[in-house]
């Protein structure tokens, strides 16, 4: 892989992918509708001649087509944040389907845990050119707009972290850096395409357990507290999208059709190391 395109910078995982690819000597085209995010990228990687930034809407076929020329792969993440808008995802995937088919460029799609329950995986016209990655809940310093990140940010600030979801709901988590490395590793292998790969997660932890570990790592006395049932009902009444979020987050997990487990590769970052790194970074940022 000599050149890669990253679509929609801003959910943490894309920034880590860019960092990893640049570190491997890969030319990167970062495509985003936010000039602010692109400017931050240029500042962060000012010493690299391999980064190119392009401003454009993720659903703009023409803009994507022009930016993707010469790329060996296109990376895109969906449903890794809770504020994802279904109609925007649909437009983007339709545009990427067109660009991938027109330029014959493989597409790497990392899909997180926030997909709507009724939403079926997008059907690409040439699925043999698509590498799908089913990721567990991602965490890390630069993760954004996720339940776990909201929770950890509160702890880093020394505030009382109200648990939006069920504090006893257990799930596995994956550190952002590991997710990025797994995605790049699989994208380099031609035999990976045409399949859905289930990325590994650590042992299931409840939100309460994760919070206790994070508080200890941050040296914080903050301990998680759960929203009372009536507050959750009130929140769901006032914000129907929040009710849908909780259903998806607590019950859905990662649901993919016939996934292939990504075996033989132990987690590179276990919870003890990943949580400490995350809380160190968040504490520097918010205290």
Protein backbone atom coordinates (compact mmCIF):
# COMPACT_ATOMS: atom_id res chain seq x y z
CA UNK A 1 0.00 0.00 0.00
CA UNK A 2 1.56 3.27 -1.16
CA UNK A 3 -1.40 5.64 -0.87
CA UNK A 4 -4.58 5.50 1.23
CA UNK A 5 -7.60 7.74 1.59
CA UNK A 6 -9.32 8.24 4.96
CA UNK A 7 -12.90 9.50 4.71
CA UNK A 8 -14.46 11.59 7.53
CA UNK A 9 -11.82 12.55 10.06
CA UNK A 10 -13.15 13.17 13.54
CA UNK A 11 -14.09 10.08 15.54
CA UNK A 12 -10.65 9.34 16.93
CA UNK A 13 -10.05 6.10 15.06
CA UNK A 14 -9.47 7.92 11.75
CA UNK A 15 -6.82 10.14 13.33
CA UNK A 16 -5.03 7.09 14.72
CA UNK A 17 -5.19 5.36 11.32
CA UNK A 18 -3.61 8.41 9.70
CA UNK A 19 -0.83 8.46 12.29
CA UNK A 20 -0.12 4.75 11.80
CA UNK A 21 -0.14 4.95 8.00
CA UNK A 22 2.13 7.98 7.90
CA UNK A 23 4.47 6.18 10.27
CA UNK A 24 4.65 3.31 7.79
CA UNK A 25 5.57 5.65 4.93
CA UNK A 26 2.14 5.57 3.28
CA UNK A 27 0.86 8.70 1.53
CA UNK A 28 -2.48 9.67 3.10
CA UNK A 29 -5.37 11.72 1.73
CA UNK A 30 -7.52 12.92 4.65
CA UNK A 31 -11.01 13.84 3.44
CA UNK A 32 -13.40 15.75 5.69
CA UNK A 33 -16.12 18.38 5.61
CA UNK A 34 -14.52 20.18 8.57
CA UNK A 35 -11.71 22.59 7.78
CA UNK A 36 -11.05 22.88 11.53
CA UNK A 37 -10.31 19.15 11.81
CA UNK A 38 -8.17 19.20 8.67
CA UNK A 39 -6.20 22.18 10.00
CA UNK A 40 -5.52 20.30 13.25
CA UNK A 41 -4.25 17.35 11.23
CA UNK A 42 -1.93 19.57 9.19
CA UNK A 43 -0.59 21.14 12.36
CA UNK A 44 -0.07 17.78 14.05
CA UNK A 45 1.78 16.34 11.04
CA UNK A 46 3.49 19.50 9.86
CA UNK A 47 6.80 17.67 9.50
CA UNK A 48 5.36 15.06 7.10
CA UNK A 49 5.22 15.52 3.32
CA UNK A 50 2.98 12.45 2.99
CA UNK A 51 -0.25 14.03 4.24
CA UNK A 52 -2.73 15.69 1.89
CA UNK A 53 -5.98 17.16 3.18
CA UNK A 54 -9.11 17.64 1.10
CA UNK A 55 -12.28 19.39 2.25
CA UNK A 56 -15.50 17.89 0.95
CA UNK A 57 -18.82 16.34 1.89
CA UNK A 58 -18.71 12.60 2.52
CA UNK A 59 -21.74 12.11 0.28
CA UNK A 60 -20.31 14.08 -2.66
CA UNK A 61 -19.50 11.56 -5.39
CA UNK A 62 -17.54 14.09 -7.45
CA UNK A 63 -15.44 15.30 -4.54
CA UNK A 64 -14.68 11.78 -3.36
CA UNK A 65 -13.87 10.64 -6.89
CA UNK A 66 -11.35 13.44 -7.44
CA UNK A 67 -9.68 12.94 -4.05
CA UNK A 68 -9.47 9.14 -4.35
CA UNK A 69 -7.59 8.96 -7.66
CA UNK A 70 -4.35 7.04 -7.24
CA UNK A 71 -5.28 5.56 -3.86
CA UNK A 72 -4.67 1.89 -3.17
CA UNK A 73 -7.43 1.70 -0.55
CA UNK A 74 -10.21 3.84 0.91
CA UNK A 75 -10.83 3.62 4.67
CA UNK A 76 -14.14 4.66 6.20
CA UNK A 77 -15.72 4.22 9.65
CA UNK A 78 -19.43 4.13 10.44
CA UNK A 79 -21.46 3.64 13.63
CA UNK A 80 -18.41 4.14 15.87
CA UNK A 81 -20.11 7.17 17.49
CA UNK A 82 -23.58 7.51 18.97
CA UNK A 83 -24.46 10.67 17.00
CA UNK A 84 -24.39 8.92 13.62
CA UNK A 85 -27.21 9.97 11.28
CA UNK A 86 -28.66 7.13 9.24
CA UNK A 87 -29.46 9.20 6.16
CA UNK A 88 -25.92 10.66 6.07
CA UNK A 89 -24.38 7.20 6.34
CA UNK A 90 -26.58 6.01 3.47
CA UNK A 91 -25.50 8.89 1.22
CA UNK A 92 -21.85 8.36 2.05
CA UNK A 93 -21.92 4.60 1.43
CA UNK A 94 -23.72 5.10 -1.86
CA UNK A 95 -21.05 7.61 -2.91
CA UNK A 96 -18.21 5.33 -1.79
CA UNK A 97 -19.80 2.41 -3.62
CA UNK A 98 -19.76 4.51 -6.79
CA UNK A 99 -16.16 5.70 -6.32
CA UNK A 100 -14.84 2.24 -5.45
CA UNK A 101 -16.52 0.75 -8.51
CA UNK A 102 -15.53 3.54 -10.89
CA UNK A 103 -11.85 3.63 -9.89
CA UNK A 104 -11.60 -0.05 -8.91
CA UNK A 105 -10.22 0.86 -5.48
CA UNK A 106 -10.76 -1.53 -2.54
CA UNK A 107 -12.84 -0.21 0.33
CA UNK A 108 -12.14 -0.88 4.02
CA UNK A 109 -15.26 -0.33 6.15
CA UNK A 110 -14.96 -0.39 9.94
CA UNK A 111 -18.37 -0.69 11.56
CA UNK A 112 -18.93 -0.05 15.26
CA UNK A 113 -21.59 -0.89 17.81
CA UNK A 114 -24.04 1.96 17.18
CA UNK A 115 -25.82 0.65 14.11
CA UNK A 116 -29.60 0.91 14.28
CA UNK A 117 -31.18 -2.40 15.20
CA UNK A 118 -33.36 -2.42 12.09
CA UNK A 119 -30.49 -1.43 9.83
CA UNK A 120 -29.06 -4.18 7.66
CA UNK A 121 -25.47 -4.01 6.42
CA UNK A 122 -25.14 -1.93 3.25
CA UNK A 123 -25.06 -3.96 0.04
CA UNK A 124 -22.12 -2.99 -2.14
CA UNK A 125 -22.26 -3.66 -5.88
CA UNK A 126 -18.87 -5.43 -5.80
CA UNK A 127 -18.57 -6.98 -2.33
CA UNK A 128 -15.37 -8.80 -3.30
CA UNK A 129 -13.61 -5.40 -3.24
CA UNK A 130 -14.90 -4.58 0.24
CA UNK A 131 -13.22 -5.48 3.54
CA UNK A 132 -15.68 -5.18 6.41
CA UNK A 133 -14.49 -4.94 10.00
CA UNK A 134 -16.92 -5.44 12.88
CA UNK A 135 -15.44 -3.60 15.84
CA UNK A 136 -16.41 -3.78 19.51
CA UNK A 137 -16.79 -0.59 21.55
CA UNK A 138 -13.65 1.50 20.98
CA UNK A 139 -11.91 3.49 23.69
CA UNK A 140 -8.87 5.75 23.80
CA UNK A 141 -7.83 9.33 24.43
CA UNK A 142 -9.09 10.61 21.07
CA UNK A 143 -12.30 8.57 20.93
CA UNK A 144 -15.28 10.88 20.53
CA UNK A 145 -19.06 10.74 20.91
CA UNK A 146 -19.25 7.32 22.49
CA UNK A 147 -20.88 6.22 25.74
CA UNK A 148 -17.59 5.05 27.23
CA UNK A 149 -15.74 8.24 26.23
CA UNK A 150 -18.41 10.46 27.80
CA UNK A 151 -18.07 8.38 30.95
CA UNK A 152 -14.25 8.51 31.07
CA UNK A 153 -14.16 12.24 30.32
CA UNK A 154 -16.32 12.87 33.40
CA UNK A 155 -13.93 10.83 35.53
CA UNK A 156 -10.90 12.70 34.11
CA UNK A 157 -12.55 16.00 35.06
CA UNK A 158 -13.12 14.77 38.60
CA UNK A 159 -16.87 14.96 38.13
CA UNK A 160 -19.45 12.42 39.19
CA UNK A 161 -19.94 10.18 36.15
CA UNK A 162 -23.60 9.35 35.68
CA UNK A 163 -23.92 6.11 33.75
CA UNK A 164 -26.27 6.68 30.83
CA UNK A 165 -26.60 2.97 30.18
CA UNK A 166 -26.97 0.01 32.48
CA UNK A 167 -23.86 0.00 34.75
CA UNK A 168 -24.03 -3.81 34.93
CA UNK A 169 -24.16 -4.32 31.15
CA UNK A 170 -20.93 -6.16 30.31
CA UNK A 171 -19.20 -5.87 26.95
CA UNK A 172 -15.73 -6.19 25.46
CA UNK A 173 -13.69 -3.11 24.51
CA UNK A 174 -10.89 -2.50 22.01
CA UNK A 175 -8.21 0.19 22.25
CA UNK A 176 -8.18 2.64 19.31
CA UNK A 177 -4.55 2.01 18.44
CA UNK A 178 -5.12 -1.73 18.17
CA UNK A 179 -8.22 -1.26 16.03
CA UNK A 180 -6.27 0.95 13.62
CA UNK A 181 -3.40 -1.51 13.36
CA UNK A 182 -5.72 -4.48 12.79
CA UNK A 183 -7.55 -2.54 10.04
CA UNK A 184 -4.33 -1.63 8.25
CA UNK A 185 -2.89 -5.13 8.63
CA UNK A 186 -5.96 -6.75 7.11
CA UNK A 187 -6.21 -4.12 4.37
CA UNK A 188 -2.74 -5.07 3.14
CA UNK A 189 -3.78 -8.68 2.49
CA UNK A 190 -5.70 -9.28 -0.73
CA UNK A 191 -7.24 -12.44 0.74
CA UNK A 192 -8.98 -10.34 3.44
CA UNK A 193 -11.43 -8.72 1.03
CA UNK A 194 -14.91 -10.03 0.39
CA UNK A 195 -15.29 -10.97 4.07
CA UNK A 196 -16.47 -9.49 7.35
CA UNK A 197 -13.86 -9.74 10.09
CA UNK A 198 -14.77 -9.68 13.77
CA UNK A 199 -12.06 -7.70 15.56
CA UNK A 200 -11.03 -9.02 18.98
CA UNK A 201 -12.14 -7.44 22.22
CA UNK A 202 -10.87 -7.75 25.74
CA UNK A 203 -12.73 -9.78 28.35
CA UNK A 204 -16.22 -8.36 29.05
CA UNK A 205 -16.32 -5.60 31.64
CA UNK A 206 -19.37 -3.85 33.04
CA UNK A 207 -19.46 -0.07 32.79
CA UNK A 208 -19.09 0.03 36.57
CA UNK A 209 -15.93 -2.10 36.46
CA UNK A 210 -14.47 -0.05 33.61
CA UNK A 211 -15.20 3.14 35.56
CA UNK A 212 -13.55 1.86 38.70
CA UNK A 213 -10.40 1.00 36.77
CA UNK A 214 -10.42 4.39 35.06
CA UNK A 215 -10.88 6.25 38.35
CA UNK A 216 -7.96 4.37 39.87
CA UNK A 217 -5.77 5.15 36.84
CA UNK A 218 -6.70 8.85 37.04
CA UNK A 219 -6.21 9.01 40.79
CA UNK A 220 -9.78 10.20 41.05
CA UNK A 221 -12.26 9.61 43.80
CA UNK A 222 -15.08 9.69 41.26
CA UNK A 223 -17.21 6.60 41.24
CA UNK A 224 -19.98 5.77 38.82
CA UNK A 225 -23.61 6.29 39.67
CA UNK A 226 -26.55 5.10 37.65
CA UNK A 227 -29.39 7.27 36.41
CA UNK A 228 -32.52 6.37 38.30
CA UNK A 229 -35.26 4.54 36.33
CA UNK A 230 -37.49 7.61 36.31
CA UNK A 231 -34.65 9.81 34.99
CA UNK A 232 -34.00 7.31 32.23
CA UNK A 233 -37.69 7.29 31.32
CA UNK A 234 -37.73 11.09 31.35
CA UNK A 235 -34.63 11.21 29.17
CA UNK A 236 -36.17 8.74 26.72
CA UNK A 237 -39.38 10.77 26.59
CA UNK A 238 -37.55 14.06 26.01
CA UNK A 239 -35.03 12.57 23.57
CA UNK A 240 -36.40 9.58 21.61
CA UNK A 241 -33.02 9.17 19.91
CA UNK A 242 -31.48 8.58 23.34
CA UNK A 243 -33.93 5.76 24.00
CA UNK A 244 -32.92 4.19 20.68
CA UNK A 245 -29.25 4.67 21.57
CA UNK A 246 -29.63 2.82 24.87
CA UNK A 247 -31.43 -0.06 23.20
CA UNK A 248 -28.72 -0.35 20.57
CA UNK A 249 -25.88 0.06 23.03
CA UNK A 250 -27.08 -2.39 25.67
CA UNK A 251 -28.63 -5.06 23.47
CA UNK A 252 -27.28 -4.88 19.94
CA UNK A 253 -23.53 -5.16 20.29
CA UNK A 254 -21.82 -6.05 17.03
CA UNK A 255 -24.15 -7.92 14.70
CA UNK A 256 -22.73 -8.93 11.35
CA UNK A 257 -23.55 -11.62 8.84
CA UNK A 258 -21.19 -14.62 8.95
CA UNK A 259 -18.17 -12.83 10.43
CA UNK A 260 -14.69 -14.34 10.30
CA UNK A 261 -12.91 -14.10 13.63
CA UNK A 262 -9.58 -12.33 13.52
CA UNK A 263 -7.67 -15.15 15.21
CA UNK A 264 -4.06 -15.74 16.09
CA UNK A 265 -3.32 -12.16 17.10
CA UNK A 266 -3.50 -11.42 20.84
CA UNK A 267 -4.61 -7.97 21.95
CA UNK A 268 -1.63 -5.67 21.73
CA UNK A 269 -2.97 -3.37 24.44
CA UNK A 270 -4.71 -4.92 27.44
CA UNK A 271 -7.06 -3.01 29.72
CA UNK A 272 -4.42 -2.25 32.32
CA UNK A 273 -2.26 -0.48 29.75
CA UNK A 274 -5.04 0.95 27.56
CA UNK A 275 -7.06 2.46 30.39
CA UNK A 276 -3.95 4.06 31.92
CA UNK A 277 -2.96 5.60 28.56
CA UNK A 278 -6.50 6.83 27.99
CA UNK A 279 -6.87 8.43 31.39
CA UNK A 280 -3.42 10.03 31.26
CA UNK A 281 -4.35 11.68 27.98
CA UNK A 282 -7.81 12.73 29.13
CA UNK A 283 -6.48 14.09 32.42
CA UNK A 284 -3.95 16.26 30.55
CA UNK A 285 -6.70 17.54 28.29
CA UNK A 286 -9.45 18.26 30.82
CA UNK A 287 -7.73 19.17 34.08
